[in-house]
């Protein structure tokens, strides 16, 4: 048995994701664990499908076991996102490989840059660049170019490379024995606006689903197409963005300036810009545009807004995840769980309610997850009752 972990959102699951799983199996993996973001994703927005449908799509598409990445990490920065995911892979105690897709595909170059990013002198140069008004991402790339040259710095231009670097950094920080595996991304770019070689970006597919869903089919596995149609019929696909905006604005307008200062990733007076934007603007887009600057990216603002809506405490994504929650599995996934029950360093379970009773951190993270799901399901034509995340069973497939 050789177990590979893949960190994913599958928002939605498409041909590129199936290709990634196939390539991971061809590299020797016999069992696949997907560490999956829940109902909200790193862009700072709700997923277009409820997480159990995305779990089913993952299992139909080649994964064997799906573990939930708690919401505090799923909507955090790339560094914190990677920290939560890699920590869970390590905590299973039986993962041999961490497989990730990236634009580069050159593991040795990525590892060399990841090691350099840990150098304190490097971050001294980053801080100098930021003092001049650059965002963290721009300052880091400028520092990399100054110290390592254009070729290395160019790795920081691509979003999947950036995540790959963070996975490598977290593996090193945890002293993990998990072996990294870089799979070259095929076809359309991360946010590509056109399909390429039979592959389409998730962002293009999300847009098509809202405007012309019939155009999606060539770029999705057949099983996923049928599943997505079922999700639409059940009223748990395509959250109402107007309803989402109204819900978020309702929460933001109740928040005091001091509450904005307590949001994750808030620093250097950013709470003042965000508070003023909420006071003056009447749409989420206008608020984010007003609060963002060259220093503070739109993605950072969106994540802060979402954290305010969900009530995510500031330090949650800096603490270790307290449990391994199973969203779904098949027969091979059951084999992984049998091994994990002997090797895992965190509680493992399918029931969020039972995990919540394990200890106080489990209770706190479970309550946050359940609250996020309660808010999420209100965005659909067919909202679910409060406590849905506590009562809905894990997905099981043969």
Protein backbone atom coordinates (compact mmCIF):
# COMPACT_ATOMS: atom_id res chain seq x y z
CA UNK A 1 0.00 0.00 0.00
CA UNK A 2 1.35 3.42 -1.02
CA UNK A 3 -0.86 6.29 0.13
CA UNK A 4 -0.79 9.71 -1.54
CA UNK A 5 -2.48 12.84 -0.21
CA UNK A 6 -3.84 15.54 -2.52
CA UNK A 7 -4.99 18.94 -1.26
CA UNK A 8 -7.97 20.22 -3.22
CA UNK A 9 -11.08 22.34 -3.47
CA UNK A 10 -12.67 20.54 -6.45
CA UNK A 11 -14.82 23.59 -7.09
CA UNK A 12 -15.93 21.87 -9.31
CA UNK A 13 -14.15 18.56 -9.96
CA UNK A 14 -13.06 18.57 -13.62
CA UNK A 15 -10.88 16.72 -16.13
CA UNK A 16 -7.72 18.35 -14.81
CA UNK A 17 -8.39 16.97 -11.35
CA UNK A 18 -9.01 13.49 -12.73
CA UNK A 19 -5.73 13.76 -14.70
CA UNK A 20 -3.88 14.74 -11.51
CA UNK A 21 -5.22 11.66 -9.68
CA UNK A 22 -4.38 9.41 -12.63
CA UNK A 23 -0.82 10.75 -12.76
CA UNK A 24 -0.45 10.24 -9.03
CA UNK A 25 -1.49 6.60 -9.42
CA UNK A 26 0.89 6.15 -12.35
CA UNK A 27 3.66 7.42 -10.08
CA UNK A 28 2.98 4.47 -7.78
CA UNK A 29 0.17 5.47 -5.43
CA UNK A 30 -2.29 2.68 -4.70
CA UNK A 31 -4.54 4.73 -2.41
CA UNK A 32 -5.51 8.43 -2.64
CA UNK A 33 -6.54 10.75 0.20
CA UNK A 34 -8.12 14.06 -0.81
CA UNK A 35 -7.87 16.79 1.82
CA UNK A 36 -10.83 18.88 0.74
CA UNK A 37 -11.93 22.41 1.59
CA UNK A 38 -15.47 22.52 2.95
CA UNK A 39 -18.25 24.89 1.96
CA UNK A 40 -16.09 28.02 1.64
CA UNK A 41 -12.90 28.32 -0.40
CA UNK A 42 -9.66 30.23 -0.43
CA UNK A 43 -10.86 32.89 -2.85
CA UNK A 44 -12.98 34.17 0.03
CA UNK A 45 -16.32 32.96 -1.32
CA UNK A 46 -18.80 30.08 -1.02
CA UNK A 47 -18.14 26.91 -3.01
CA UNK A 48 -20.56 26.34 -5.88
CA UNK A 49 -21.49 22.86 -4.58
CA UNK A 50 -22.17 21.67 -1.05
CA UNK A 51 -19.17 19.74 0.23
CA UNK A 52 -20.80 16.31 0.20
CA UNK A 53 -21.49 16.60 -3.52
CA UNK A 54 -17.87 17.61 -4.03
CA UNK A 55 -16.85 14.65 -1.88
CA UNK A 56 -18.89 12.32 -4.06
CA UNK A 57 -17.34 13.83 -7.19
CA UNK A 58 -13.87 13.23 -5.74
CA UNK A 59 -14.64 9.59 -4.96
CA UNK A 60 -16.16 9.03 -8.40
CA UNK A 61 -13.13 10.72 -9.93
CA UNK A 62 -10.52 8.47 -8.34
CA UNK A 63 -10.01 9.50 -4.71
CA UNK A 64 -10.49 6.84 -2.02
CA UNK A 65 -10.78 8.85 1.19
CA UNK A 66 -11.86 12.47 1.67
CA UNK A 67 -10.78 14.39 4.78
CA UNK A 68 -12.14 17.86 5.45
CA UNK A 69 -9.79 20.84 5.67
CA UNK A 70 -11.41 22.93 8.43
CA UNK A 71 -12.81 26.25 7.34
CA UNK A 72 -10.30 28.35 9.29
CA UNK A 73 -7.51 27.02 7.01
CA UNK A 74 -9.61 26.65 3.86
CA UNK A 75 -10.20 30.42 3.68
CA UNK A 76 -6.76 31.53 4.92
CA UNK A 77 -3.59 32.68 3.16
CA UNK A 78 -1.63 30.22 1.03
CA UNK A 79 0.78 29.65 3.92
CA UNK A 80 -1.96 28.89 6.46
CA UNK A 81 -3.97 26.88 3.91
CA UNK A 82 -0.92 24.71 3.29
CA UNK A 83 -0.15 24.46 7.00
CA UNK A 84 -3.58 23.06 7.84
CA UNK A 85 -3.58 20.62 4.92
CA UNK A 86 -0.05 19.30 5.39
CA UNK A 87 -0.59 18.98 9.14
CA UNK A 88 -3.61 16.76 8.49
CA UNK A 89 -1.68 14.62 5.99
CA UNK A 90 1.10 14.20 8.55
CA UNK A 91 -1.40 13.49 11.34
CA UNK A 92 -2.85 10.53 9.43
CA UNK A 93 0.47 8.87 10.13
CA UNK A 94 0.33 6.69 7.02
CA UNK A 95 0.71 9.05 4.04
CA UNK A 96 3.74 8.32 1.91
CA UNK A 97 3.38 11.04 -0.72
CA UNK A 98 1.96 14.56 -1.01
CA UNK A 99 0.99 15.08 -4.66
CA UNK A 100 0.32 18.56 -5.98
CA UNK A 101 -0.25 20.08 -9.39
CA UNK A 102 1.81 23.08 -10.39
CA UNK A 103 2.80 25.06 -13.44
CA UNK A 104 6.50 24.25 -13.07
CA UNK A 105 6.53 20.50 -12.50
CA UNK A 106 10.25 20.86 -11.63
CA UNK A 107 10.46 19.58 -8.06
CA UNK A 108 14.16 20.31 -7.59
CA UNK A 109 13.72 23.99 -8.55
CA UNK A 110 10.71 24.31 -6.27
CA UNK A 111 12.54 22.68 -3.36
CA UNK A 112 15.55 24.97 -3.81
CA UNK A 113 13.35 28.07 -3.77
CA UNK A 114 11.28 26.78 -0.84
CA UNK A 115 14.49 26.33 1.17
CA UNK A 116 15.61 29.87 0.30
CA UNK A 117 12.27 31.29 1.39
CA UNK A 118 13.06 30.07 4.90
CA UNK A 119 16.20 32.24 5.07
CA UNK A 120 15.79 35.11 7.61
CA UNK A 121 17.99 37.36 5.46
CA UNK A 122 15.60 36.87 2.56
CA UNK A 123 12.67 38.12 4.60
CA UNK A 124 14.68 41.12 5.69
CA UNK A 125 14.80 42.11 2.01
CA UNK A 126 11.08 41.37 1.66
CA UNK A 127 10.31 43.76 4.53
CA UNK A 128 12.41 46.44 2.86
CA UNK A 129 10.37 46.07 -0.34
CA UNK A 130 7.11 46.17 1.61
CA UNK A 131 8.23 49.35 3.36
CA UNK A 132 8.20 50.92 -0.09
CA UNK A 133 4.51 50.10 -0.50
CA UNK A 134 4.64 46.73 -2.25
CA UNK A 135 2.26 43.94 -1.32
CA UNK A 136 3.76 40.89 0.34
CA UNK A 137 3.47 38.84 -2.86
CA UNK A 138 5.13 41.52 -4.99
CA UNK A 139 7.83 42.18 -2.39
CA UNK A 140 8.67 38.48 -2.14
CA UNK A 141 8.99 38.16 -5.89
CA UNK A 142 11.19 41.28 -6.07
CA UNK A 143 13.41 39.90 -3.31
CA UNK A 144 13.68 36.52 -5.04
CA UNK A 145 14.70 38.19 -8.29
CA UNK A 146 17.32 40.29 -6.51
CA UNK A 147 18.88 37.31 -4.74
CA UNK A 148 18.25 34.39 -7.09
CA UNK A 149 17.53 35.81 -10.53
CA UNK A 150 14.56 35.93 -12.86
CA UNK A 151 14.16 32.20 -13.40
CA UNK A 152 13.65 31.44 -9.71
CA UNK A 153 11.52 34.55 -9.17
CA UNK A 154 9.25 33.55 -12.05
CA UNK A 155 8.11 30.53 -10.02
CA UNK A 156 6.36 33.00 -7.73
CA UNK A 157 4.25 34.35 -10.60
CA UNK A 158 2.01 31.28 -10.84
CA UNK A 159 -0.64 30.45 -8.22
CA UNK A 160 -0.17 26.68 -8.19
CA UNK A 161 3.60 27.08 -7.92
CA UNK A 162 3.04 29.33 -4.91
CA UNK A 163 0.91 26.69 -3.21
CA UNK A 164 3.48 24.03 -4.10
CA UNK A 165 6.19 26.09 -2.42
CA UNK A 166 4.04 26.42 0.69
CA UNK A 167 3.43 22.67 0.81
CA UNK A 168 7.18 22.08 0.62
CA UNK A 169 7.85 24.64 3.34
CA UNK A 170 5.30 23.06 5.66
CA UNK A 171 6.67 19.56 5.05
CA UNK A 172 10.11 20.85 6.02
CA UNK A 173 8.83 22.72 9.07
CA UNK A 174 7.02 19.64 10.34
CA UNK A 175 10.07 17.48 9.72
CA UNK A 176 7.78 15.25 7.70
CA UNK A 177 8.87 12.07 6.00
CA UNK A 178 6.13 12.47 3.40
CA UNK A 179 7.63 12.59 -0.08
CA UNK A 180 6.54 15.49 -2.34
CA UNK A 181 5.38 14.73 -5.87
CA UNK A 182 5.01 17.58 -8.40
CA UNK A 183 2.61 16.99 -11.30
CA UNK A 184 2.76 19.43 -14.22
CA UNK A 185 -0.53 21.24 -14.81
CA UNK A 186 -2.05 20.49 -18.21
CA UNK A 187 -4.17 22.64 -20.50
CA UNK A 188 -5.80 25.88 -19.36
CA UNK A 189 -4.02 28.09 -16.84
CA UNK A 190 -5.26 28.47 -13.26
CA UNK A 191 -7.67 31.29 -14.13
CA UNK A 192 -7.62 30.72 -17.87
CA UNK A 193 -10.54 32.24 -19.75
CA UNK A 194 -10.58 29.57 -22.47
CA UNK A 195 -10.31 25.74 -22.41
CA UNK A 196 -7.13 24.20 -23.79
CA UNK A 197 -6.34 20.60 -24.85
CA UNK A 198 -9.55 19.28 -23.31
CA UNK A 199 -8.95 20.99 -19.98
CA UNK A 200 -10.72 24.05 -18.58
CA UNK A 201 -9.96 26.11 -15.48
CA UNK A 202 -12.31 25.87 -12.51
CA UNK A 203 -13.00 29.61 -12.74
CA UNK A 204 -14.10 29.26 -16.40
CA UNK A 205 -16.33 26.32 -15.47
CA UNK A 206 -17.94 28.23 -12.61
CA UNK A 207 -18.73 31.09 -14.95
CA UNK A 208 -20.12 28.73 -17.60
CA UNK A 209 -22.31 26.98 -15.05
CA UNK A 210 -24.04 30.24 -14.25
CA UNK A 211 -24.32 31.44 -17.85
CA UNK A 212 -24.25 28.47 -20.23
CA UNK A 213 -24.05 25.14 -18.35
CA UNK A 214 -24.30 23.09 -21.53
CA UNK A 215 -20.77 24.26 -22.45
CA UNK A 216 -19.26 22.56 -19.38
CA UNK A 217 -19.79 18.91 -20.33
CA UNK A 218 -16.65 18.32 -22.49
CA UNK A 219 -14.41 19.37 -19.60
CA UNK A 220 -16.01 17.30 -16.83
CA UNK A 221 -15.96 13.56 -16.12
CA UNK A 222 -19.28 11.98 -17.13
CA UNK A 223 -19.98 10.91 -13.55
CA UNK A 224 -19.47 14.47 -12.32
CA UNK A 225 -21.95 15.86 -14.86
CA UNK A 226 -24.69 13.57 -13.58
CA UNK A 227 -23.83 14.42 -10.00
CA UNK A 228 -23.94 18.15 -10.64
CA UNK A 229 -27.36 17.86 -12.25
CA UNK A 230 -28.55 16.04 -9.13
CA UNK A 231 -27.14 18.80 -6.92
CA UNK A 232 -29.07 21.41 -8.88
CA UNK A 233 -32.28 19.37 -8.55
CA UNK A 234 -31.70 19.03 -4.80
CA UNK A 235 -31.16 22.79 -4.47
CA UNK A 236 -27.59 22.49 -3.18
CA UNK A 237 -25.65 23.94 -6.10
CA UNK A 238 -24.87 27.48 -7.24
CA UNK A 239 -25.39 29.58 -4.10
CA UNK A 240 -27.44 32.72 -4.64
CA UNK A 241 -24.80 35.47 -4.75
CA UNK A 242 -27.32 38.22 -4.10
CA UNK A 243 -28.49 36.39 -1.01
CA UNK A 244 -24.86 35.89 -0.01
CA UNK A 245 -24.10 39.58 -0.43
CA UNK A 246 -27.08 40.61 1.68
CA UNK A 247 -26.16 38.12 4.42
CA UNK A 248 -22.54 39.31 4.54
CA UNK A 249 -23.47 42.99 4.51
CA UNK A 250 -25.91 42.39 7.36
CA UNK A 251 -23.09 40.99 9.50
CA UNK A 252 -20.50 43.59 8.47
CA UNK A 253 -22.79 46.50 9.28
CA UNK A 254 -23.20 45.19 12.83
CA UNK A 255 -19.46 45.03 13.43
CA UNK A 256 -17.53 47.68 15.35
CA UNK A 257 -14.10 48.93 14.32
CA UNK A 258 -12.49 46.90 17.13
CA UNK A 259 -14.11 43.73 15.77
CA UNK A 260 -12.55 44.31 12.34
CA UNK A 261 -9.16 44.60 14.06
CA UNK A 262 -9.62 41.07 15.43
CA UNK A 263 -10.11 39.44 12.03
CA UNK A 264 -7.48 36.99 10.72
CA UNK A 265 -4.75 38.62 8.62
CA UNK A 266 -5.68 42.12 9.83
CA UNK A 267 -2.70 44.36 10.61
CA UNK A 268 -1.20 47.82 10.13
CA UNK A 269 -4.49 49.67 10.46
CA UNK A 270 -6.25 47.70 7.74
CA UNK A 271 -9.29 47.49 10.02
CA UNK A 272 -9.77 51.25 9.56
CA UNK A 273 -9.90 51.00 5.78
CA UNK A 274 -12.29 48.07 5.92
CA UNK A 275 -14.53 49.69 8.53
CA UNK A 276 -14.75 52.89 6.51
CA UNK A 277 -15.47 50.94 3.32
CA UNK A 278 -18.35 49.13 5.03
CA UNK A 279 -19.73 52.47 6.23
CA UNK A 280 -19.58 54.09 2.80
CA UNK A 281 -20.27 51.33 0.27
CA UNK A 282 -23.35 49.22 -0.34
CA UNK A 283 -22.02 46.18 -2.26
CA UNK A 284 -19.36 43.61 -1.42
CA UNK A 285 -17.44 44.41 -4.59
CA UNK A 286 -17.43 48.13 -3.79
CA UNK A 287 -16.32 47.46 -0.21
CA UNK A 288 -13.41 45.27 -1.32
CA UNK A 289 -12.37 47.69 -4.07
CA UNK A 290 -12.45 50.59 -1.61
CA UNK A 291 -10.42 48.76 1.05
CA UNK A 292 -7.77 47.28 -1.23
CA UNK A 293 -4.54 49.07 -2.05
CA UNK A 294 -1.27 48.19 -3.73
CA UNK A 295 -0.24 46.80 -0.34
CA UNK A 296 -3.49 44.98 0.50
CA UNK A 297 -4.69 42.67 -2.26
CA UNK A 298 -8.30 42.00 -3.21
CA UNK A 299 -7.90 38.36 -2.16
CA UNK A 300 -6.77 39.40 1.30
CA UNK A 301 -9.74 41.75 1.70
CA UNK A 302 -12.21 39.11 0.50
CA UNK A 303 -10.86 36.58 2.99
CA UNK A 304 -11.14 39.08 5.83
CA UNK A 305 -14.72 39.90 4.86
CA UNK A 306 -15.58 36.21 4.78
CA UNK A 307 -13.89 35.67 8.15
CA UNK A 308 -16.05 38.44 9.59
CA UNK A 309 -19.19 36.86 8.16
CA UNK A 310 -18.35 33.39 9.49
CA UNK A 311 -16.97 34.60 12.82
CA UNK A 312 -13.52 33.01 12.44
CA UNK A 313 -11.31 33.89 15.43
CA UNK A 314 -7.96 35.45 14.58
CA UNK A 315 -5.68 32.68 15.82
CA UNK A 316 -7.51 29.59 14.60
CA UNK A 317 -5.50 29.08 11.40
CA UNK A 318 -2.23 29.36 13.38
CA UNK A 319 -3.13 26.52 15.74
CA UNK A 320 -2.87 22.86 14.69
CA UNK A 321 -6.10 21.26 13.41
CA UNK A 322 -7.57 19.23 16.30
CA UNK A 323 -9.15 16.33 14.41
CA UNK A 324 -9.35 14.36 11.15
CA UNK A 325 -12.92 14.49 9.93
CA UNK A 326 -13.88 11.97 7.26
CA UNK A 327 -16.30 13.32 4.63
CA UNK A 328 -16.40 10.14 2.57
CA UNK A 329 -14.64 6.97 1.50
CA UNK A 330 -14.82 3.86 -0.66
CA UNK A 331 -13.46 0.37 0.01
CA UNK A 332 -9.83 1.43 -0.47
CA UNK A 333 -10.54 4.45 1.71
CA UNK A 334 -11.65 2.04 4.42
CA UNK A 335 -8.25 0.38 4.13
CA UNK A 336 -6.57 3.75 4.68
CA UNK A 337 -8.76 4.36 7.73
CA UNK A 338 -7.91 0.93 9.15
CA UNK A 339 -4.24 1.87 9.00
CA UNK A 340 -4.85 5.41 10.26
CA UNK A 341 -6.65 4.16 13.36
CA UNK A 342 -3.30 2.71 14.44
CA UNK A 343 -1.06 5.52 13.20
CA UNK A 344 -3.02 8.79 13.45
CA UNK A 345 -1.95 11.42 15.97
CA UNK A 346 -5.36 13.15 15.96
CA UNK A 347 -8.88 11.83 16.61
CA UNK A 348 -10.40 10.34 13.42
CA UNK A 349 -14.13 10.17 12.78
CA UNK A 350 -17.03 10.66 10.42
CA UNK A 351 -19.31 12.36 12.96
CA UNK A 352 -18.65 16.03 13.67
CA UNK A 353 -20.91 15.77 16.72
CA UNK A 354 -18.82 12.96 18.21
CA UNK A 355 -15.54 14.65 17.36
CA UNK A 356 -16.80 17.80 19.12
CA UNK A 357 -17.01 15.82 22.37
CA UNK A 358 -13.34 14.80 22.27
CA UNK A 359 -11.83 17.90 23.87
CA UNK A 360 -12.22 21.68 23.96
CA UNK A 361 -10.28 22.47 20.75
CA UNK A 362 -12.33 19.86 18.87
CA UNK A 363 -15.50 21.45 20.21
CA UNK A 364 -14.44 24.95 19.13
CA UNK A 365 -13.45 23.95 15.60
CA UNK A 366 -16.53 21.78 15.19
CA UNK A 367 -18.80 24.62 16.27
CA UNK A 368 -17.16 26.94 13.75
CA UNK A 369 -17.55 24.34 10.99
CA UNK A 370 -21.19 23.73 11.83
CA UNK A 371 -21.91 27.46 11.89
CA UNK A 372 -20.25 27.94 8.50
CA UNK A 373 -22.41 25.16 7.04
CA UNK A 374 -25.57 26.60 8.61
CA UNK A 375 -24.84 29.95 6.95
CA UNK A 376 -23.82 28.31 3.67
CA UNK A 377 -27.00 26.29 3.21
CA UNK A 378 -29.09 29.46 3.61
CA UNK A 379 -27.71 30.58 0.25
CA UNK A 380 -29.57 27.88 -1.71
CA UNK A 381 -33.08 27.43 -2.99
CA UNK A 382 -33.45 24.55 -0.56
CA UNK A 383 -31.82 25.61 2.75
CA UNK A 384 -31.08 22.93 5.31
CA UNK A 385 -32.02 23.15 9.01
CA UNK A 386 -29.58 24.37 11.65
CA UNK A 387 -27.14 21.68 12.70
CA UNK A 388 -27.00 20.06 9.24
CA UNK A 389 -23.27 19.40 9.58
CA UNK A 390 -23.83 17.50 12.84
CA UNK A 391 -26.50 15.19 11.46
CA UNK A 392 -25.53 14.47 7.84
CA UNK A 393 -23.59 11.20 7.47
CA UNK A 394 -20.35 10.74 5.59
CA UNK A 395 -20.48 9.60 1.95
CA UNK A 396 -19.84 5.88 1.46
CA UNK A 397 -19.20 4.25 -1.91
CA UNK A 398 -18.16 0.77 -3.00
